[in-house]
Amino acid sequence: LLLDALPRTPSGKVDRRALPAPDEAFQPIQH
């Protein structure tokens, strides 16, 4: 998933719990 910015905690670390949920259908690399 491409994002404009990673969500951060007040201390500046990446807030992994605030990341958006991915689509349920994972797409393979190959077409």
PDB file of all heavy atoms in Angstrom:
ATOM      1  N   LEU A   1       0.845  -1.186   0.000  1.00  0.00           N
ATOM      2  CA  LEU A   1       0.000   0.000   0.000  1.00  0.00           C
ATOM      3  C   LEU A   1       0.884   1.242   0.000  1.00  0.00           C
ATOM      4  O   LEU A   1       1.823   1.339   0.803  1.00  0.00           O
ATOM      5  CB  LEU A   1      -0.921   0.039   1.225  1.00  0.00           C
ATOM      6  CG  LEU A   1      -2.215  -0.766   1.149  1.00  0.00           C
ATOM      7  CD1 LEU A   1      -1.931  -2.260   1.146  1.00  0.00           C
ATOM      8  CD2 LEU A   1      -3.139  -0.414   2.306  1.00  0.00           C
ATOM      9  N   LEU A   2       0.598   2.185  -0.889  1.00  0.00           N
ATOM     10  CA  LEU A   2       1.342   3.433  -0.966  1.00  0.00           C
ATOM     11  C   LEU A   2       0.618   4.498  -0.141  1.00  0.00           C
ATOM     12  O   LEU A   2      -0.594   4.688  -0.279  1.00  0.00           O
ATOM     13  CB  LEU A   2       1.481   3.890  -2.413  1.00  0.00           C
ATOM     14  CG  LEU A   2       2.175   2.899  -3.367  1.00  0.00           C
ATOM     15  CD1 LEU A   2       2.294   3.501  -4.760  1.00  0.00           C
ATOM     16  CD2 LEU A   2       3.549   2.506  -2.845  1.00  0.00           C
ATOM     17  N   LEU A   3       1.351   5.183   0.718  1.00  0.00           N
ATOM     18  CA  LEU A   3       0.789   6.198   1.605  1.00  0.00           C
ATOM     19  C   LEU A   3       1.515   7.514   1.408  1.00  0.00           C
ATOM     20  O   LEU A   3       2.674   7.559   0.987  1.00  0.00           O
ATOM     21  CB  LEU A   3       0.914   5.766   3.071  1.00  0.00           C
ATOM     22  CG  LEU A   3       0.321   4.405   3.462  1.00  0.00           C
ATOM     23  CD1 LEU A   3       0.632   4.125   4.931  1.00  0.00           C
ATOM     24  CD2 LEU A   3      -1.177   4.377   3.215  1.00  0.00           C
ATOM     25  N   ASP A   4       0.820   8.621   1.733  1.00  0.00           N
ATOM     26  CA  ASP A   4       1.464   9.935   1.709  1.00  0.00           C
ATOM     27  C   ASP A   4       2.455  10.075   2.855  1.00  0.00           C
ATOM     28  O   ASP A   4       3.475  10.753   2.744  1.00  0.00           O
ATOM     29  CB  ASP A   4       0.420  11.047   1.786  1.00  0.00           C
ATOM     30  CG  ASP A   4      -0.437  11.112   0.530  1.00  0.00           C
ATOM     31  OD1 ASP A   4       0.073  10.729  -0.542  1.00  0.00           O
ATOM     32  OD2 ASP A   4      -1.597  11.541   0.615  1.00  0.00           O
ATOM     33  N   ALA A   5       2.137   9.441   4.000  1.00  0.00           N
ATOM     34  CA  ALA A   5       3.017   9.487   5.166  1.00  0.00           C
ATOM     35  C   ALA A   5       2.644   8.347   6.094  1.00  0.00           C
ATOM     36  O   ALA A   5       1.507   7.860   6.076  1.00  0.00           O
ATOM     37  CB  ALA A   5       2.894  10.826   5.887  1.00  0.00           C
ATOM     38  N   LEU A   6       3.588   7.912   6.908  1.00  0.00           N
ATOM     39  CA  LEU A   6       3.325   6.879   7.902  1.00  0.00           C
ATOM     40  C   LEU A   6       2.780   7.530   9.170  1.00  0.00           C
ATOM     41  O   LEU A   6       3.281   8.571   9.598  1.00  0.00           O
ATOM     42  CB  LEU A   6       4.601   6.107   8.229  1.00  0.00           C
ATOM     43  CG  LEU A   6       5.234   5.303   7.093  1.00  0.00           C
ATOM     44  CD1 LEU A   6       6.549   4.681   7.556  1.00  0.00           C
ATOM     45  CD2 LEU A   6       4.290   4.218   6.598  1.00  0.00           C
ATOM     46  N   PRO A   7       1.744   6.954   9.779  1.00  0.00           N
ATOM     47  CA  PRO A   7       1.238   7.522  11.034  1.00  0.00           C
ATOM     48  C   PRO A   7       2.292   7.416  12.130  1.00  0.00           C
ATOM     49  O   PRO A   7       3.011   6.421  12.214  1.00  0.00           O
ATOM     50  CB  PRO A   7       0.005   6.668  11.342  1.00  0.00           C
ATOM     51  CG  PRO A   7       0.246   5.380  10.612  1.00  0.00           C
ATOM     52  CD  PRO A   7       1.023   5.733   9.384  1.00  0.00           C
ATOM     53  N   ARG A   8       2.363   8.436  12.975  1.00  0.00           N
ATOM     54  CA  ARG A   8       3.385   8.487  14.013  1.00  0.00           C
ATOM     55  C   ARG A   8       2.762   8.653  15.396  1.00  0.00           C
ATOM     56  O   ARG A   8       1.694   9.242  15.545  1.00  0.00           O
ATOM     57  CB  ARG A   8       4.344   9.665  13.756  1.00  0.00           C
ATOM     58  CG  ARG A   8       5.056   9.603  12.415  1.00  0.00           C
ATOM     59  CD  ARG A   8       6.257   8.694  12.467  1.00  0.00           C
ATOM     60  NE  ARG A   8       6.931   8.597  11.152  1.00  0.00           N
ATOM     61  CZ  ARG A   8       8.032   7.906  10.947  1.00  0.00           C
ATOM     62  NH1 ARG A   8       8.585   7.255  11.959  1.00  0.00           N
ATOM     63  NH2 ARG A   8       8.576   7.850   9.747  1.00  0.00           N
ATOM     64  N   THR A   9       3.461   8.126  16.386  1.00  0.00           N
ATOM     65  CA  THR A   9       3.078   8.352  17.776  1.00  0.00           C
ATOM     66  C   THR A   9       3.622   9.713  18.207  1.00  0.00           C
ATOM     67  O   THR A   9       4.443  10.317  17.507  1.00  0.00           O
ATOM     68  CB  THR A   9       3.649   7.253  18.675  1.00  0.00           C
ATOM     69  OG1 THR A   9       5.086   7.331  18.638  1.00  0.00           O
ATOM     70  CG2 THR A   9       3.210   5.873  18.185  1.00  0.00           C
ATOM     71  N   PRO A  10       3.193  10.230  19.368  1.00  0.00           N
ATOM     72  CA  PRO A  10       3.736  11.522  19.835  1.00  0.00           C
ATOM     73  C   PRO A  10       5.251  11.532  19.966  1.00  0.00           C
ATOM     74  O   PRO A  10       5.876  12.583  19.836  1.00  0.00           O
ATOM     75  CB  PRO A  10       3.059  11.706  21.201  1.00  0.00           C
ATOM     76  CG  PRO A  10       1.763  10.972  21.072  1.00  0.00           C
ATOM     77  CD  PRO A  10       2.075   9.775  20.211  1.00  0.00           C
ATOM     78  N   SER A  11       5.860  10.359  20.193  1.00  0.00           N
ATOM     79  CA  SER A  11       7.319  10.293  20.316  1.00  0.00           C
ATOM     80  C   SER A  11       8.021  10.203  18.971  1.00  0.00           C
ATOM     81  O   SER A  11       9.241  10.203  18.912  1.00  0.00           O
ATOM     82  CB  SER A  11       7.721   9.097  21.183  1.00  0.00           C
ATOM     83  OG  SER A  11       7.335   7.886  20.550  1.00  0.00           O
ATOM     84  N   GLY A  12       7.240  10.103  17.883  1.00  0.00           N
ATOM     85  CA  GLY A  12       7.826  10.088  16.550  1.00  0.00           C
ATOM     86  C   GLY A  12       8.011   8.716  15.949  1.00  0.00           C
ATOM     87  O   GLY A  12       8.439   8.592  14.806  1.00  0.00           O
ATOM     88  N   LYS A  13       7.681   7.644  16.682  1.00  0.00           N
ATOM     89  CA  LYS A  13       7.811   6.296  16.132  1.00  0.00           C
ATOM     90  C   LYS A  13       6.588   5.956  15.286  1.00  0.00           C
ATOM     91  O   LYS A  13       5.520   6.554  15.435  1.00  0.00           O
ATOM     92  CB  LYS A  13       7.983   5.282  17.253  1.00  0.00           C
ATOM     93  CG  LYS A  13       9.277   5.447  18.034  1.00  0.00           C
ATOM     94  CD  LYS A  13       9.473   4.323  19.028  1.00  0.00           C
ATOM     95  CE  LYS A  13      10.811   4.459  19.754  1.00  0.00           C
ATOM     96  NZ  LYS A  13      11.046   3.334  20.700  1.00  0.00           N
ATOM     97  N   VAL A  14       6.746   4.976  14.404  1.00  0.00           N
ATOM     98  CA  VAL A  14       5.640   4.577  13.539  1.00  0.00           C
ATOM     99  C   VAL A  14       4.531   3.949  14.386  1.00  0.00           C
ATOM    100  O   VAL A  14       4.784   3.045  15.187  1.00  0.00           O
ATOM    101  CB  VAL A  14       6.122   3.579  12.468  1.00  0.00           C
ATOM    102  CG1 VAL A  14       4.947   3.093  11.623  1.00  0.00           C
ATOM    103  CG2 VAL A  14       7.179   4.221  11.582  1.00  0.00           C
ATOM    104  N   ASP A  15       3.318   4.431  14.200  1.00  0.00           N
ATOM    105  CA  ASP A  15       2.150   3.884  14.903  1.00  0.00           C
ATOM    106  C   ASP A  15       1.552   2.792  14.025  1.00  0.00           C
ATOM    107  O   ASP A  15       0.712   3.043  13.158  1.00  0.00           O
ATOM    108  CB  ASP A  15       1.130   4.988  15.167  1.00  0.00           C
ATOM    109  CG  ASP A  15      -0.013   4.521  16.059  1.00  0.00           C
ATOM    110  OD1 ASP A  15      -0.061   3.311  16.373  1.00  0.00           O
ATOM    111  OD2 ASP A  15      -0.859   5.347  16.433  1.00  0.00           O
ATOM    112  N   ARG A  16       1.978   1.565  14.249  1.00  0.00           N
ATOM    113  CA  ARG A  16       1.555   0.463  13.398  1.00  0.00           C
ATOM    114  C   ARG A  16       0.065   0.174  13.519  1.00  0.00           C
ATOM    115  O   ARG A  16      -0.567  -0.294  12.575  1.00  0.00           O
ATOM    116  CB  ARG A  16       2.372  -0.791  13.738  1.00  0.00           C
ATOM    117  CG  ARG A  16       3.860  -0.628  13.443  1.00  0.00           C
ATOM    118  CD  ARG A  16       4.680  -1.787  13.953  1.00  0.00           C
ATOM    119  NE  ARG A  16       6.111  -1.545  13.739  1.00  0.00           N
ATOM    120  CZ  ARG A  16       6.805  -1.982  12.709  1.00  0.00           C
ATOM    121  NH1 ARG A  16       6.208  -2.722  11.784  1.00  0.00           N
ATOM    122  NH2 ARG A  16       8.091  -1.725  12.580  1.00  0.00           N
ATOM    123  N   ARG A  17      -0.507   0.455  14.677  1.00  0.00           N
ATOM    124  CA  ARG A  17      -1.934   0.190  14.861  1.00  0.00           C
ATOM    125  C   ARG A  17      -2.803   1.164  14.073  1.00  0.00           C
ATOM    126  O   ARG A  17      -3.979   0.897  13.843  1.00  0.00           O
ATOM    127  CB  ARG A  17      -2.285   0.266  16.351  1.00  0.00           C
ATOM    128  CG  ARG A  17      -1.688  -0.855  17.180  1.00  0.00           C
ATOM    129  CD  ARG A  17      -2.016  -0.709  18.643  1.00  0.00           C
ATOM    130  NE  ARG A  17      -1.449   0.518  19.205  1.00  0.00           N
ATOM    131  CZ  ARG A  17      -1.578   0.887  20.464  1.00  0.00           C
ATOM    132  NH1 ARG A  17      -2.274   0.134  21.308  1.00  0.00           N
ATOM    133  NH2 ARG A  17      -1.018   1.999  20.893  1.00  0.00           N
ATOM    134  N   ALA A  18      -2.241   2.296  13.674  1.00  0.00           N
ATOM    135  CA  ALA A  18      -3.014   3.292  12.925  1.00  0.00           C
ATOM    136  C   ALA A  18      -2.890   3.109  11.416  1.00  0.00           C
ATOM    137  O   ALA A  18      -3.492   3.873  10.658  1.00  0.00           O
ATOM    138  CB  ALA A  18      -2.557   4.706  13.314  1.00  0.00           C
ATOM    139  N   LEU A  19      -2.152   2.103  10.981  1.00  0.00           N
ATOM    140  CA  LEU A  19      -2.022   1.861   9.537  1.00  0.00           C
ATOM    141  C   LEU A  19      -3.350   1.364   8.979  1.00  0.00           C
ATOM    142  O   LEU A  19      -4.055   0.598   9.636  1.00  0.00           O
ATOM    143  CB  LEU A  19      -0.927   0.830   9.277  1.00  0.00           C
ATOM    144  CG  LEU A  19       0.504   1.296   9.557  1.00  0.00           C
ATOM    145  CD1 LEU A  19       1.459   0.107   9.576  1.00  0.00           C
ATOM    146  CD2 LEU A  19       0.951   2.312   8.506  1.00  0.00           C
ATOM    147  N   PRO A  20      -3.704   1.773   7.777  1.00  0.00           N
ATOM    148  CA  PRO A  20      -4.977   1.320   7.197  1.00  0.00           C
ATOM    149  C   PRO A  20      -4.966  -0.172   6.919  1.00  0.00           C
ATOM    150  O   PRO A  20      -3.922  -0.748   6.593  1.00  0.00           O
ATOM    151  CB  PRO A  20      -5.078   2.130   5.895  1.00  0.00           C
ATOM    152  CG  PRO A  20      -3.664   2.489   5.555  1.00  0.00           C
ATOM    153  CD  PRO A  20      -2.968   2.682   6.874  1.00  0.00           C
ATOM    154  N   ALA A  21      -6.127  -0.796   7.050  1.00  0.00           N
ATOM    155  CA  ALA A  21      -6.238  -2.233   6.786  1.00  0.00           C
ATOM    156  C   ALA A  21      -6.089  -2.489   5.288  1.00  0.00           C
ATOM    157  O   ALA A  21      -6.627  -1.740   4.472  1.00  0.00           O
ATOM    158  CB  ALA A  21      -7.572  -2.761   7.272  1.00  0.00           C
ATOM    159  N   PRO A  22      -5.370  -3.529   4.917  1.00  0.00           N
ATOM    160  CA  PRO A  22      -5.213  -3.841   3.493  1.00  0.00           C
ATOM    161  C   PRO A  22      -6.486  -4.464   2.936  1.00  0.00           C
ATOM    162  O   PRO A  22      -7.354  -4.932   3.669  1.00  0.00           O
ATOM    163  CB  PRO A  22      -4.069  -4.850   3.473  1.00  0.00           C
ATOM    164  CG  PRO A  22      -4.177  -5.528   4.800  1.00  0.00           C
ATOM    165  CD  PRO A  22      -4.656  -4.482   5.776  1.00  0.00           C
ATOM    166  N   ASP A  23      -6.596  -4.470   1.634  1.00  0.00           N
ATOM    167  CA  ASP A  23      -7.714  -5.149   0.994  1.00  0.00           C
ATOM    168  C   ASP A  23      -7.643  -6.632   1.292  1.00  0.00           C
ATOM    169  O   ASP A  23      -6.576  -7.208   1.422  1.00  0.00           O
ATOM    170  CB  ASP A  23      -7.676  -4.943  -0.531  1.00  0.00           C
ATOM    171  CG  ASP A  23      -7.874  -3.473  -0.897  1.00  0.00           C
ATOM    172  OD1 ASP A  23      -8.529  -2.746  -0.116  1.00  0.00           O
ATOM    173  OD2 ASP A  23      -7.352  -3.074  -1.943  1.00  0.00           O
ATOM    174  N   GLU A  24      -8.777  -7.270   1.412  1.00  0.00           N
ATOM    175  CA  GLU A  24      -8.804  -8.697   1.718  1.00  0.00           C
ATOM    176  C   GLU A  24      -8.224  -9.539   0.578  1.00  0.00           C
ATOM    177  O   GLU A  24      -7.665 -10.590   0.794  1.00  0.00           O
ATOM    178  CB  GLU A  24     -10.243  -9.145   1.995  1.00  0.00           C
ATOM    179  CG  GLU A  24     -10.746  -8.691   3.339  1.00  0.00           C
ATOM    180  CD  GLU A  24      -9.907  -9.250   4.486  1.00  0.00           C
ATOM    181  OE1 GLU A  24      -9.540 -10.432   4.425  1.00  0.00           O
ATOM    182  OE2 GLU A  24      -9.599  -8.499   5.424  1.00  0.00           O
ATOM    183  N   ALA A  25      -8.367  -9.056  -0.637  1.00  0.00           N
ATOM    184  CA  ALA A  25      -7.847  -9.812  -1.786  1.00  0.00           C
ATOM    185  C   ALA A  25      -6.411  -9.389  -2.055  1.00  0.00           C
ATOM    186  O   ALA A  25      -6.169  -8.304  -2.557  1.00  0.00           O
ATOM    187  CB  ALA A  25      -8.712  -9.576  -3.020  1.00  0.00           C
ATOM    188  N   PHE A  26      -5.463 -10.230  -1.721  1.00  0.00           N
ATOM    189  CA  PHE A  26      -4.067  -9.953  -2.002  1.00  0.00           C
ATOM    190  C   PHE A  26      -3.797 -10.284  -3.468  1.00  0.00           C
ATOM    191  O   PHE A  26      -4.207 -11.331  -3.963  1.00  0.00           O
ATOM    192  CB  PHE A  26      -3.169 -10.801  -1.108  1.00  0.00           C
ATOM    193  CG  PHE A  26      -3.077 -10.289   0.289  1.00  0.00           C
ATOM    194  CD1 PHE A  26      -4.090 -10.519   1.204  1.00  0.00           C
ATOM    195  CD2 PHE A  26      -1.972  -9.569   0.687  1.00  0.00           C
ATOM    196  CE1 PHE A  26      -4.002 -10.047   2.497  1.00  0.00           C
ATOM    197  CE2 PHE A  26      -1.871  -9.090   1.973  1.00  0.00           C
ATOM    198  CZ  PHE A  26      -2.888  -9.334   2.885  1.00  0.00           C
ATOM    199  N   GLN A  27      -3.131  -9.385  -4.125  1.00  0.00           N
ATOM    200  CA  GLN A  27      -2.856  -9.579  -5.537  1.00  0.00           C
ATOM    201  C   GLN A  27      -1.452 -10.138  -5.714  1.00  0.00           C
ATOM    202  O   GLN A  27      -0.500  -9.666  -5.102  1.00  0.00           O
ATOM    203  CB  GLN A  27      -2.978  -8.253  -6.295  1.00  0.00           C
ATOM    204  CG  GLN A  27      -4.379  -7.656  -6.233  1.00  0.00           C
ATOM    205  CD  GLN A  27      -5.421  -8.577  -6.847  1.00  0.00           C
ATOM    206  OE1 GLN A  27      -5.151  -9.251  -7.837  1.00  0.00           O
ATOM    207  NE2 GLN A  27      -6.600  -8.607  -6.260  1.00  0.00           N
ATOM    208  N   PRO A  28      -1.277 -11.148  -6.545  1.00  0.00           N
ATOM    209  CA  PRO A  28       0.063 -11.677  -6.802  1.00  0.00           C
ATOM    210  C   PRO A  28       0.891 -10.688  -7.595  1.00  0.00           C
ATOM    211  O   PRO A  28       0.364  -9.778  -8.232  1.00  0.00           O
ATOM    212  CB  PRO A  28      -0.212 -12.940  -7.619  1.00  0.00           C
ATOM    213  CG  PRO A  28      -1.529 -12.679  -8.283  1.00  0.00           C
ATOM    214  CD  PRO A  28      -2.323 -11.849  -7.311  1.00  0.00           C
ATOM    215  N   ILE A  29       2.209 -10.871  -7.540  1.00  0.00           N
ATOM    216  CA  ILE A  29       3.094  -9.987  -8.285  1.00  0.00           C
ATOM    217  C   ILE A  29       2.917 -10.184  -9.785  1.00  0.00           C
ATOM    218  O   ILE A  29       2.859  -9.244 -10.556  1.00  0.00           O
ATOM    219  CB  ILE A  29       4.553 -10.250  -7.871  1.00  0.00           C
ATOM    220  CG1 ILE A  29       4.746  -9.913  -6.384  1.00  0.00           C
ATOM    221  CG2 ILE A  29       5.529  -9.442  -8.711  1.00  0.00           C
ATOM    222  CD1 ILE A  29       6.129 -10.236  -5.873  1.00  0.00           C
ATOM    223  N   GLN A  30       2.802 -11.446 -10.210  1.00  0.00           N
ATOM    224  CA  GLN A  30       2.647 -11.708 -11.636  1.00  0.00           C
ATOM    225  C   GLN A  30       1.254 -11.276 -12.094  1.00  0.00           C
ATOM    226  O   GLN A  30       0.288 -11.339 -11.345  1.00  0.00           O
ATOM    227  CB  GLN A  30       2.837 -13.195 -11.928  1.00  0.00           C
ATOM    228  CG  GLN A  30       4.237 -13.710 -11.635  1.00  0.00           C
ATOM    229  CD  GLN A  30       4.374 -14.175 -10.198  1.00  0.00           C
ATOM    230  OE1 GLN A  30       3.453 -14.011  -9.402  1.00  0.00           O
ATOM    231  NE2 GLN A  30       5.516 -14.732  -9.872  1.00  0.00           N
ATOM    232  N   HIS A  31       1.167 -10.854 -13.338  1.00  0.00           N
ATOM    233  CA  HIS A  31      -0.121 -10.535 -13.922  1.00  0.00           C
ATOM    234  C   HIS A  31      -0.881 -11.833 -14.197  1.00  0.00           C
ATOM    235  O   HIS A  31      -0.290 -12.871 -14.499  1.00  0.00           O
ATOM    236  CB  HIS A  31       0.060  -9.719 -15.203  1.00  0.00           C
ATOM    237  CG  HIS A  31       0.624  -8.355 -14.953  1.00  0.00           C
ATOM    238  ND1 HIS A  31      -0.074  -7.364 -14.312  1.00  0.00           N
ATOM    239  CD2 HIS A  31       1.842  -7.831 -15.254  1.00  0.00           C
ATOM    240  CE1 HIS A  31       0.667  -6.275 -14.238  1.00  0.00           C
ATOM    241  NE2 HIS A  31       1.830  -6.529 -14.801  1.00  0.00           N
TER     242      HIS A  31
END
